[in-house]
Amino acid sequence: MKIVRRATVNDILRLKAFLLKSKLEVSNLEEKIESFYLLTNSNDELYAASGYVIVDNHVVLRTSAIDSNLAIEEILQFFRDILKNLSNQGVIDVYLCAGSESSANFFSALGFKRLSSEEVEKILDIFSNQSDMPDGKAWLGYVFN
């Protein structure tokens, strides 16, 4: 059985190794560790990680790494659980920047909608104090009801 949970300081070393394996940025991970969700099993083996930044009640998903052996349904459930947890924290919307068309299509299956350039500008303005915002092909957003 797989479990979605927040990362803790005890996860720093293996999360760093997991992200590096996916060729993702790990600088300042110690400062950001609690803004990661992890997908683990009952033996605490790591299968997926997704980092985010929150400003007021808005979230941008920034860094995601997925084990290549994970089934698509498990990946979808991982992100559904993240959205549920964020909603329970009072988040009103979640944004991400897809690096490819296939990523954009994947997140569309979860209910994310493509954003117009005007909407992207608003998001970037909200997160203007964040130094490492993602840069990709398509911005998508998910608004909780």
Foldseek 3Di string as FASTA:
>chain_A
DKDKDFFDLVCLPVVLVQCVVVVHDCPPCNVQRRQKIFIADPVRDTAKIWGWDDFDQEIETADIGGHPPDDLVVVLVNVVVVVVVSVVVVRFKYKYADADPVSVVSVVVVVWAWDDPVVVVVVCVSVVVDDDHDDHDTMTMDGDD
